[in-house]
Amino acid sequence: MLLKDIRLIAPYRRRVNQQVARSLPLRDRRHYRIRGRIECTFAWLKSFRRLQVRHEHHAQNYKGFWIVSILYSILKKLQDDFYVGDFLGRRQQGVD
């Protein structure tokens, strides 16, 4: 892990004594945010039943389902972010 420059990014244990926690170096908050995004992404993708437990015998099929679920998630996110009424010049409901 040292050769590939891989670092552990994990929060401090809750039961660590306050003095011990203060003496440990502070971790980079930017890495925590990146780790949080990655964990949320995998949790989001694991919501697909096919990906929770690998039922496929062939790795290509399993990889294909990963790709389909990623594309589906991206398209769904884009659909939620893009409001067609704004594009057509209509006002949103509840906004004056």
PDB file of N, CA and C in Angstrom:
ATOM      1  N   MET A   1       0.823  -1.187   0.000  1.00  0.00           N
ATOM      2  CA  MET A   1       0.000   0.000   0.000  1.00  0.00           C
ATOM      3  C   MET A   1       0.866   1.250   0.000  1.00  0.00           C
ATOM      4  N   LEU A   2       2.020   1.169   0.619  1.00  0.00           N
ATOM      5  CA  LEU A   2       2.915   2.315   0.619  1.00  0.00           C
ATOM      6  C   LEU A   2       3.478   2.579  -0.769  1.00  0.00           C
ATOM      7  N   LEU A   3       3.703   1.525  -1.532  1.00  0.00           N
ATOM      8  CA  LEU A   3       4.247   1.698  -2.874  1.00  0.00           C
ATOM      9  C   LEU A   3       3.259   2.384  -3.807  1.00  0.00           C
ATOM     10  N   LYS A   4       1.976   2.147  -3.606  1.00  0.00           N
ATOM     11  CA  LYS A   4       0.951   2.739  -4.461  1.00  0.00           C
ATOM     12  C   LYS A   4       0.377   4.027  -3.886  1.00  0.00           C
ATOM     13  N   ASP A   5       0.936   4.509  -2.781  1.00  0.00           N
ATOM     14  CA  ASP A   5       0.502   5.743  -2.127  1.00  0.00           C
ATOM     15  C   ASP A   5      -0.983   5.688  -1.739  1.00  0.00           C
ATOM     16  N   ILE A   6      -1.370   4.581  -1.116  1.00  0.00           N
ATOM     17  CA  ILE A   6      -2.735   4.406  -0.633  1.00  0.00           C
ATOM     18  C   ILE A   6      -2.749   4.720   0.850  1.00  0.00           C
ATOM     19  N   ARG A   7      -3.657   5.616   1.241  1.00  0.00           N
ATOM     20  CA  ARG A   7      -3.751   6.014   2.641  1.00  0.00           C
ATOM     21  C   ARG A   7      -5.105   5.610   3.215  1.00  0.00           C
ATOM     22  N   LEU A   8      -5.111   5.323   4.498  1.00  0.00           N
ATOM     23  CA  LEU A   8      -6.353   5.028   5.194  1.00  0.00           C
ATOM     24  C   LEU A   8      -7.063   6.336   5.490  1.00  0.00           C
ATOM     25  N   ILE A   9      -8.317   6.418   5.084  1.00  0.00           N
ATOM     26  CA  ILE A   9      -9.117   7.601   5.376  1.00  0.00           C
ATOM     27  C   ILE A   9     -10.329   7.117   6.154  1.00  0.00           C
ATOM     28  N   ALA A  10     -10.214   7.135   7.447  1.00  0.00           N
ATOM     29  CA  ALA A  10     -11.288   6.677   8.321  1.00  0.00           C
ATOM     30  C   ALA A  10     -11.382   7.629   9.502  1.00  0.00           C
ATOM     31  N   PRO A  11     -12.589   7.897   9.985  1.00  0.00           N
ATOM     32  CA  PRO A  11     -12.719   8.787  11.140  1.00  0.00           C
ATOM     33  C   PRO A  11     -12.166   8.136  12.400  1.00  0.00           C
ATOM     34  N   TYR A  12     -11.894   8.965  13.391  1.00  0.00           N
ATOM     35  CA  TYR A  12     -11.416   8.457  14.666  1.00  0.00           C
ATOM     36  C   TYR A  12     -12.509   7.630  15.327  1.00  0.00           C
ATOM     37  N   ARG A  13     -12.117   6.656  16.110  1.00  0.00           N
ATOM     38  CA  ARG A  13     -13.091   5.854  16.840  1.00  0.00           C
ATOM     39  C   ARG A  13     -13.765   6.724  17.883  1.00  0.00           C
ATOM     40  N   ARG A  14     -15.009   6.459  18.150  1.00  0.00           N
ATOM     41  CA  ARG A  14     -15.767   7.275  19.096  1.00  0.00           C
ATOM     42  C   ARG A  14     -15.283   7.095  20.524  1.00  0.00           C
ATOM     43  N   ARG A  15     -14.732   5.951  20.834  1.00  0.00           N
ATOM     44  CA  ARG A  15     -14.339   5.671  22.217  1.00  0.00           C
ATOM     45  C   ARG A  15     -12.916   6.119  22.544  1.00  0.00           C
ATOM     46  N   VAL A  16     -12.267   6.757  21.605  1.00  0.00           N
ATOM     47  CA  VAL A  16     -10.904   7.217  21.853  1.00  0.00           C
ATOM     48  C   VAL A  16     -10.950   8.356  22.862  1.00  0.00           C
ATOM     49  N   ASN A  17     -10.058   8.314  23.808  1.00  0.00           N
ATOM     50  CA  ASN A  17      -9.970   9.353  24.824  1.00  0.00           C
ATOM     51  C   ASN A  17      -9.725  10.706  24.152  1.00  0.00           C
ATOM     52  N   GLN A  18     -10.289  11.772  24.706  1.00  0.00           N
ATOM     53  CA  GLN A  18     -10.164  13.094  24.107  1.00  0.00           C
ATOM     54  C   GLN A  18      -8.708  13.527  23.974  1.00  0.00           C
ATOM     55  N   GLN A  19      -7.882  13.241  24.969  1.00  0.00           N
ATOM     56  CA  GLN A  19      -6.478  13.651  24.907  1.00  0.00           C
ATOM     57  C   GLN A  19      -5.745  12.896  23.803  1.00  0.00           C
ATOM     58  N   VAL A  20      -6.049  11.636  23.657  1.00  0.00           N
ATOM     59  CA  VAL A  20      -5.416  10.848  22.601  1.00  0.00           C
ATOM     60  C   VAL A  20      -5.868  11.363  21.239  1.00  0.00           C
ATOM     61  N   ALA A  21      -7.146  11.672  21.106  1.00  0.00           N
ATOM     62  CA  ALA A  21      -7.669  12.160  19.836  1.00  0.00           C
ATOM     63  C   ALA A  21      -7.044  13.502  19.467  1.00  0.00           C
ATOM     64  N   ARG A  22      -6.796  14.349  20.447  1.00  0.00           N
ATOM     65  CA  ARG A  22      -6.197  15.650  20.160  1.00  0.00           C
ATOM     66  C   ARG A  22      -4.739  15.521  19.764  1.00  0.00           C
ATOM     67  N   SER A  23      -4.061  14.525  20.283  1.00  0.00           N
ATOM     68  CA  SER A  23      -2.645  14.371  19.958  1.00  0.00           C
ATOM     69  C   SER A  23      -2.432  13.770  18.570  1.00  0.00           C
ATOM     70  N   LEU A  24      -3.455  13.111  18.027  1.00  0.00           N
ATOM     71  CA  LEU A  24      -3.338  12.533  16.689  1.00  0.00           C
ATOM     72  C   LEU A  24      -3.438  13.642  15.641  1.00  0.00           C
ATOM     73  N   PRO A  25      -2.769  13.510  14.518  1.00  0.00           N
ATOM     74  CA  PRO A  25      -2.832  14.559  13.492  1.00  0.00           C
ATOM     75  C   PRO A  25      -4.234  14.642  12.882  1.00  0.00           C
ATOM     76  N   LEU A  26      -4.624  15.850  12.521  1.00  0.00           N
ATOM     77  CA  LEU A  26      -5.934  16.041  11.895  1.00  0.00           C
ATOM     78  C   LEU A  26      -5.905  15.495  10.478  1.00  0.00           C
ATOM     79  N   ARG A  27      -6.977  14.892  10.100  1.00  0.00           N
ATOM     80  CA  ARG A  27      -7.053  14.334   8.757  1.00  0.00           C
ATOM     81  C   ARG A  27      -7.620  15.388   7.807  1.00  0.00           C
ATOM     82  N   ASP A  28      -7.357  15.214   6.560  1.00  0.00           N
ATOM     83  CA  ASP A  28      -7.773  16.179   5.552  1.00  0.00           C
ATOM     84  C   ASP A  28      -9.274  16.064   5.304  1.00  0.00           C
ATOM     85  N   ARG A  29      -9.988  17.164   5.454  1.00  0.00           N
ATOM     86  CA  ARG A  29     -11.448  17.148   5.281  1.00  0.00           C
ATOM     87  C   ARG A  29     -11.854  16.888   3.828  1.00  0.00           C
ATOM     88  N   ARG A  30     -11.024  17.295   2.908  1.00  0.00           N
ATOM     89  CA  ARG A  30     -11.330  17.066   1.495  1.00  0.00           C
ATOM     90  C   ARG A  30     -11.420  15.575   1.197  1.00  0.00           C
ATOM     91  N   HIS A  31     -10.538  14.795   1.795  1.00  0.00           N
ATOM     92  CA  HIS A  31     -10.573  13.349   1.582  1.00  0.00           C
ATOM     93  C   HIS A  31     -11.816  12.722   2.209  1.00  0.00           C
ATOM     94  N   TYR A  32     -12.287  13.280   3.337  1.00  0.00           N
ATOM     95  CA  TYR A  32     -13.527  12.785   3.934  1.00  0.00           C
ATOM     96  C   TYR A  32     -14.705  13.001   2.987  1.00  0.00           C
ATOM     97  N   ARG A  33     -14.749  14.179   2.355  1.00  0.00           N
ATOM     98  CA  ARG A  33     -15.850  14.452   1.429  1.00  0.00           C
ATOM     99  C   ARG A  33     -15.814  13.492   0.245  1.00  0.00           C
ATOM    100  N   ILE A  34     -14.630  13.251  -0.282  1.00  0.00           N
ATOM    101  CA  ILE A  34     -14.505  12.330  -1.412  1.00  0.00           C
ATOM    102  C   ILE A  34     -14.917  10.927  -0.993  1.00  0.00           C
ATOM    103  N   ARG A  35     -14.490  10.514   0.187  1.00  0.00           N
ATOM    104  CA  ARG A  35     -14.851   9.184   0.676  1.00  0.00           C
ATOM    105  C   ARG A  35     -16.365   9.075   0.857  1.00  0.00           C
ATOM    106  N   GLY A  36     -16.984  10.131   1.376  1.00  0.00           N
ATOM    107  CA  GLY A  36     -18.434  10.133   1.553  1.00  0.00           C
ATOM    108  C   GLY A  36     -19.171  10.000   0.238  1.00  0.00           C
ATOM    109  N   ARG A  37     -18.704  10.702  -0.776  1.00  0.00           N
ATOM    110  CA  ARG A  37     -19.332  10.595  -2.097  1.00  0.00           C
ATOM    111  C   ARG A  37     -19.209   9.184  -2.656  1.00  0.00           C
ATOM    112  N   ILE A  38     -18.048   8.605  -2.497  1.00  0.00           N
ATOM    113  CA  ILE A  38     -17.829   7.250  -3.015  1.00  0.00           C
ATOM    114  C   ILE A  38     -18.724   6.252  -2.292  1.00  0.00           C
ATOM    115  N   GLU A  39     -18.813   6.361  -0.959  1.00  0.00           N
ATOM    116  CA  GLU A  39     -19.660   5.434  -0.200  1.00  0.00           C
ATOM    117  C   GLU A  39     -21.123   5.608  -0.560  1.00  0.00           C
ATOM    118  N   CYS A  40     -21.573   6.846  -0.750  1.00  0.00           N
ATOM    119  CA  CYS A  40     -22.964   7.081  -1.145  1.00  0.00           C
ATOM    120  C   CYS A  40     -23.238   6.529  -2.539  1.00  0.00           C
ATOM    121  N   THR A  41     -22.271   6.670  -3.424  1.00  0.00           N
ATOM    122  CA  THR A  41     -22.441   6.151  -4.781  1.00  0.00           C
ATOM    123  C   THR A  41     -22.597   4.637  -4.773  1.00  0.00           C
ATOM    124  N   PHE A  42     -21.745   3.951  -4.015  1.00  0.00           N
ATOM    125  CA  PHE A  42     -21.866   2.491  -3.950  1.00  0.00           C
ATOM    126  C   PHE A  42     -23.163   2.072  -3.255  1.00  0.00           C
ATOM    127  N   ALA A  43     -23.586   2.792  -2.229  1.00  0.00           N
ATOM    128  CA  ALA A  43     -24.856   2.476  -1.573  1.00  0.00           C
ATOM    129  C   ALA A  43     -26.018   2.688  -2.536  1.00  0.00           C
ATOM    130  N   TRP A  44     -25.927   3.730  -3.336  1.00  0.00           N
ATOM    131  CA  TRP A  44     -26.960   4.043  -4.316  1.00  0.00           C
ATOM    132  C   TRP A  44     -27.024   2.941  -5.370  1.00  0.00           C
ATOM    133  N   LEU A  45     -25.873   2.498  -5.843  1.00  0.00           N
ATOM    134  CA  LEU A  45     -25.856   1.451  -6.859  1.00  0.00           C
ATOM    135  C   LEU A  45     -26.252   0.095  -6.289  1.00  0.00           C
ATOM    136  N   LYS A  46     -25.977  -0.134  -5.025  1.00  0.00           N
ATOM    137  CA  LYS A  46     -26.356  -1.405  -4.404  1.00  0.00           C
ATOM    138  C   LYS A  46     -27.857  -1.489  -4.152  1.00  0.00           C
ATOM    139  N   SER A  47     -28.591  -0.400  -4.412  1.00  0.00           N
ATOM    140  CA  SER A  47     -30.042  -0.462  -4.264  1.00  0.00           C
ATOM    141  C   SER A  47     -30.670  -1.319  -5.369  1.00  0.00           C
ATOM    142  N   PHE A  48     -29.919  -1.581  -6.433  1.00  0.00           N
ATOM    143  CA  PHE A  48     -30.397  -2.482  -7.475  1.00  0.00           C
ATOM    144  C   PHE A  48     -30.238  -3.918  -6.993  1.00  0.00           C
ATOM    145  N   ARG A  49     -31.313  -4.662  -7.072  1.00  0.00           N
ATOM    146  CA  ARG A  49     -31.318  -6.011  -6.509  1.00  0.00           C
ATOM    147  C   ARG A  49     -30.300  -6.935  -7.176  1.00  0.00           C
ATOM    148  N   ARG A  50     -30.088  -6.746  -8.457  1.00  0.00           N
ATOM    149  CA  ARG A  50     -29.144  -7.591  -9.185  1.00  0.00           C
ATOM    150  C   ARG A  50     -27.713  -7.403  -8.708  1.00  0.00           C
ATOM    151  N   LEU A  51     -27.411  -6.237  -8.142  1.00  0.00           N
ATOM    152  CA  LEU A  51     -26.046  -5.938  -7.734  1.00  0.00           C
ATOM    153  C   LEU A  51     -25.797  -6.206  -6.259  1.00  0.00           C
ATOM    154  N   GLN A  52     -26.856  -6.414  -5.480  1.00  0.00           N
ATOM    155  CA  GLN A  52     -26.671  -6.657  -4.048  1.00  0.00           C
ATOM    156  C   GLN A  52     -25.902  -7.950  -3.818  1.00  0.00           C
ATOM    157  N   VAL A  53     -26.356  -8.988  -4.476  1.00  0.00           N
ATOM    158  CA  VAL A  53     -25.685 -10.288  -4.398  1.00  0.00           C
ATOM    159  C   VAL A  53     -25.422 -10.719  -5.834  1.00  0.00           C
ATOM    160  N   ARG A  54     -24.246 -11.177  -6.073  1.00  0.00           N
ATOM    161  CA  ARG A  54     -23.892 -11.550  -7.443  1.00  0.00           C
ATOM    162  C   ARG A  54     -24.543 -12.876  -7.796  1.00  0.00           C
ATOM    163  N   HIS A  55     -25.584 -12.806  -8.629  1.00  0.00           N
ATOM    164  CA  HIS A  55     -26.284 -14.002  -9.090  1.00  0.00           C
ATOM    165  C   HIS A  55     -25.747 -14.474 -10.434  1.00  0.00           C
ATOM    166  N   GLU A  56     -25.004 -13.620 -11.104  1.00  0.00           N
ATOM    167  CA  GLU A  56     -24.517 -13.938 -12.445  1.00  0.00           C
ATOM    168  C   GLU A  56     -23.322 -14.879 -12.371  1.00  0.00           C
ATOM    169  N   HIS A  57     -23.282 -15.826 -13.288  1.00  0.00           N
ATOM    170  CA  HIS A  57     -22.167 -16.764 -13.341  1.00  0.00           C
ATOM    171  C   HIS A  57     -20.979 -16.177 -14.098  1.00  0.00           C
ATOM    172  N   HIS A  58     -21.262 -15.281 -15.024  1.00  0.00           N
ATOM    173  CA  HIS A  58     -20.209 -14.709 -15.857  1.00  0.00           C
ATOM    174  C   HIS A  58     -19.929 -13.275 -15.421  1.00  0.00           C
ATOM    175  N   ALA A  59     -18.667 -12.951 -15.318  1.00  0.00           N
ATOM    176  CA  ALA A  59     -18.265 -11.616 -14.868  1.00  0.00           C
ATOM    177  C   ALA A  59     -18.707 -10.537 -15.852  1.00  0.00           C
ATOM    178  N   GLN A  60     -18.767 -10.870 -17.135  1.00  0.00           N
ATOM    179  CA  GLN A  60     -19.186  -9.884 -18.136  1.00  0.00           C
ATOM    180  C   GLN A  60     -20.631  -9.455 -17.919  1.00  0.00           C
ATOM    181  N   ASN A  61     -21.490 -10.394 -17.567  1.00  0.00           N
ATOM    182  CA  ASN A  61     -22.887 -10.047 -17.300  1.00  0.00           C
ATOM    183  C   ASN A  61     -23.004  -9.157 -16.072  1.00  0.00           C
ATOM    184  N   TYR A  62     -22.255  -9.490 -15.036  1.00  0.00           N
ATOM    185  CA  TYR A  62     -22.275  -8.696 -13.802  1.00  0.00           C
ATOM    186  C   TYR A  62     -21.768  -7.282 -14.076  1.00  0.00           C
ATOM    187  N   LYS A  63     -20.689  -7.184 -14.834  1.00  0.00           N
ATOM    188  CA  LYS A  63     -20.144  -5.874 -15.196  1.00  0.00           C
ATOM    189  C   LYS A  63     -21.160  -5.094 -16.035  1.00  0.00           C
ATOM    190  N   GLY A  64     -21.861  -5.782 -16.914  1.00  0.00           N
ATOM    191  CA  GLY A  64     -22.887  -5.136 -17.725  1.00  0.00           C
ATOM    192  C   GLY A  64     -24.004  -4.555 -16.880  1.00  0.00           C
ATOM    193  N   PHE A  65     -24.423  -5.282 -15.853  1.00  0.00           N
ATOM    194  CA  PHE A  65     -25.458  -4.752 -14.966  1.00  0.00           C
ATOM    195  C   PHE A  65     -24.959  -3.541 -14.191  1.00  0.00           C
ATOM    196  N   TRP A  66     -23.672  -3.536 -13.816  1.00  0.00           N
ATOM    197  CA  TRP A  66     -23.093  -2.351 -13.161  1.00  0.00           C
ATOM    198  C   TRP A  66     -23.176  -1.150 -14.094  1.00  0.00           C
ATOM    199  N   ILE A  67     -22.813  -1.353 -15.353  1.00  0.00           N
ATOM    200  CA  ILE A  67     -22.828  -0.250 -16.314  1.00  0.00           C
ATOM    201  C   ILE A  67     -24.250   0.247 -16.537  1.00  0.00           C
ATOM    202  N   VAL A  68     -25.189  -0.664 -16.680  1.00  0.00           N
ATOM    203  CA  VAL A  68     -26.586  -0.272 -16.878  1.00  0.00           C
ATOM    204  C   VAL A  68     -27.107   0.495 -15.665  1.00  0.00           C
ATOM    205  N   SER A  69     -26.773   0.049 -14.472  1.00  0.00           N
ATOM    206  CA  SER A  69     -27.252   0.747 -13.276  1.00  0.00           C
ATOM    207  C   SER A  69     -26.625   2.131 -13.145  1.00  0.00           C
ATOM    208  N   ILE A  70     -25.358   2.270 -13.525  1.00  0.00           N
ATOM    209  CA  ILE A  70     -24.713   3.588 -13.488  1.00  0.00           C
ATOM    210  C   ILE A  70     -25.371   4.521 -14.499  1.00  0.00           C
ATOM    211  N   LEU A  71     -25.594   4.042 -15.708  1.00  0.00           N
ATOM    212  CA  LEU A  71     -26.248   4.868 -16.725  1.00  0.00           C
ATOM    213  C   LEU A  71     -27.660   5.253 -16.308  1.00  0.00           C
ATOM    214  N   TYR A  72     -28.397   4.304 -15.749  1.00  0.00           N
ATOM    215  CA  TYR A  72     -29.748   4.588 -15.278  1.00  0.00           C
ATOM    216  C   TYR A  72     -29.728   5.658 -14.189  1.00  0.00           C
ATOM    217  N   SER A  73     -28.786   5.548 -13.259  1.00  0.00           N
ATOM    218  CA  SER A  73     -28.691   6.521 -12.172  1.00  0.00           C
ATOM    219  C   SER A  73     -28.335   7.905 -12.695  1.00  0.00           C
ATOM    220  N   ILE A  74     -27.422   7.970 -13.658  1.00  0.00           N
ATOM    221  CA  ILE A  74     -27.036   9.261 -14.230  1.00  0.00           C
ATOM    222  C   ILE A  74     -28.208   9.889 -14.972  1.00  0.00           C
ATOM    223  N   LEU A  75     -28.900   9.102 -15.781  1.00  0.00           N
ATOM    224  CA  LEU A  75     -30.044   9.635 -16.522  1.00  0.00           C
ATOM    225  C   LEU A  75     -31.158  10.091 -15.590  1.00  0.00           C
ATOM    226  N   LYS A  76     -31.393   9.350 -14.535  1.00  0.00           N
ATOM    227  CA  LYS A  76     -32.420   9.740 -13.566  1.00  0.00           C
ATOM    228  C   LYS A  76     -32.039  11.052 -12.885  1.00  0.00           C
ATOM    229  N   LYS A  77     -30.767  11.192 -12.522  1.00  0.00           N
ATOM    230  CA  LYS A  77     -30.292  12.422 -11.891  1.00  0.00           C
ATOM    231  C   LYS A  77     -30.420  13.602 -12.849  1.00  0.00           C
ATOM    232  N   LEU A  78     -30.058  13.404 -14.112  1.00  0.00           N
ATOM    233  CA  LEU A  78     -30.183  14.475 -15.100  1.00  0.00           C
ATOM    234  C   LEU A  78     -31.637  14.855 -15.321  1.00  0.00           C
ATOM    235  N   GLN A  79     -32.519  13.872 -15.319  1.00  0.00           N
ATOM    236  CA  GLN A  79     -33.938  14.144 -15.503  1.00  0.00           C
ATOM    237  C   GLN A  79     -34.482  14.949 -14.333  1.00  0.00           C
ATOM    238  N   ASP A  80     -34.065  14.632 -13.120  1.00  0.00           N
ATOM    239  CA  ASP A  80     -34.523  15.363 -11.948  1.00  0.00           C
ATOM    240  C   ASP A  80     -33.977  16.784 -11.928  1.00  0.00           C
ATOM    241  N   ASP A  81     -32.744  16.972 -12.395  1.00  0.00           N
ATOM    242  CA  ASP A  81     -32.120  18.296 -12.383  1.00  0.00           C
ATOM    243  C   ASP A  81     -32.655  19.203 -13.486  1.00  0.00           C
ATOM    244  N   PHE A  82     -33.056  18.620 -14.588  1.00  0.00           N
ATOM    245  CA  PHE A  82     -33.484  19.405 -15.736  1.00  0.00           C
ATOM    246  C   PHE A  82     -34.997  19.512 -15.735  1.00  0.00           C
ATOM    247  N   TYR A  83     -35.508  20.708 -15.550  1.00  0.00           N
ATOM    248  CA  TYR A  83     -36.940  20.936 -15.552  1.00  0.00           C
ATOM    249  C   TYR A  83     -37.325  21.437 -16.933  1.00  0.00           C
ATOM    250  N   VAL A  84     -38.157  20.691 -17.645  1.00  0.00           N
ATOM    251  CA  VAL A  84     -38.502  21.010 -19.025  1.00  0.00           C
ATOM    252  C   VAL A  84     -39.258  22.327 -19.102  1.00  0.00           C
ATOM    253  N   GLY A  85     -40.063  22.650 -18.096  1.00  0.00           N
ATOM    254  CA  GLY A  85     -40.815  23.903 -18.098  1.00  0.00           C
ATOM    255  C   GLY A  85     -39.915  25.120 -18.142  1.00  0.00           C
ATOM    256  N   ASP A  86     -38.775  25.068 -17.483  1.00  0.00           N
ATOM    257  CA  ASP A  86     -37.820  26.172 -17.537  1.00  0.00           C
ATOM    258  C   ASP A  86     -37.289  26.344 -18.954  1.00  0.00           C
ATOM    259  N   PHE A  87     -37.058  25.244 -19.618  1.00  0.00           N
ATOM    260  CA  PHE A  87     -36.514  25.292 -20.972  1.00  0.00           C
ATOM    261  C   PHE A  87     -37.528  25.889 -21.942  1.00  0.00           C
ATOM    262  N   LEU A  88     -38.808  25.610 -21.721  1.00  0.00           N
ATOM    263  CA  LEU A  88     -39.850  26.102 -22.610  1.00  0.00           C
ATOM    264  C   LEU A  88     -40.342  27.485 -22.220  1.00  0.00           C
ATOM    265  N   GLY A  89     -39.821  28.058 -21.163  1.00  0.00           N
ATOM    266  CA  GLY A  89     -40.214  29.398 -20.744  1.00  0.00           C
ATOM    267  C   GLY A  89     -41.390  29.414 -19.787  1.00  0.00           C
ATOM    268  N   ARG A  90     -41.802  28.279 -19.292  1.00  0.00           N
ATOM    269  CA  ARG A  90     -42.907  28.221 -18.335  1.00  0.00           C
ATOM    270  C   ARG A  90     -42.375  28.418 -16.932  1.00  0.00           C
ATOM    271  N   ARG A  91     -43.238  28.885 -16.049  1.00  0.00           N
ATOM    272  CA  ARG A  91     -42.837  29.064 -14.655  1.00  0.00           C
ATOM    273  C   ARG A  91     -43.082  27.779 -13.883  1.00  0.00           C
ATOM    274  N   GLN A  92     -42.273  27.578 -12.853  1.00  0.00           N
ATOM    275  CA  GLN A  92     -42.466  26.423 -11.987  1.00  0.00           C
ATOM    276  C   GLN A  92     -43.688  26.660 -11.110  1.00  0.00           C
ATOM    277  N   GLN A  93     -44.299  25.584 -10.675  1.00  0.00           N
ATOM    278  CA  GLN A  93     -45.453  25.700  -9.796  1.00  0.00           C
ATOM    279  C   GLN A  93     -45.019  26.217  -8.443  1.00  0.00           C
ATOM    280  N   GLY A  94     -45.788  27.139  -7.902  1.00  0.00           N
ATOM    281  CA  GLY A  94     -45.494  27.670  -6.578  1.00  0.00           C
ATOM    282  C   GLY A  94     -44.473  28.788  -6.578  1.00  0.00           C
ATOM    283  N   VAL A  95     -43.932  29.116  -7.732  1.00  0.00           N
ATOM    284  CA  VAL A  95     -42.954  30.203  -7.834  1.00  0.00           C
ATOM    285  C   VAL A  95     -43.604  31.328  -8.611  1.00  0.00           C
ATOM    286  N   ASP A  96     -43.647  32.507  -8.048  1.00  0.00           N
ATOM    287  CA  ASP A  96     -44.269  33.653  -8.732  1.00  0.00           C
ATOM    288  C   ASP A  96     -43.263  34.439  -9.526  1.00  0.00           C
TER     289      ASP A  96
END
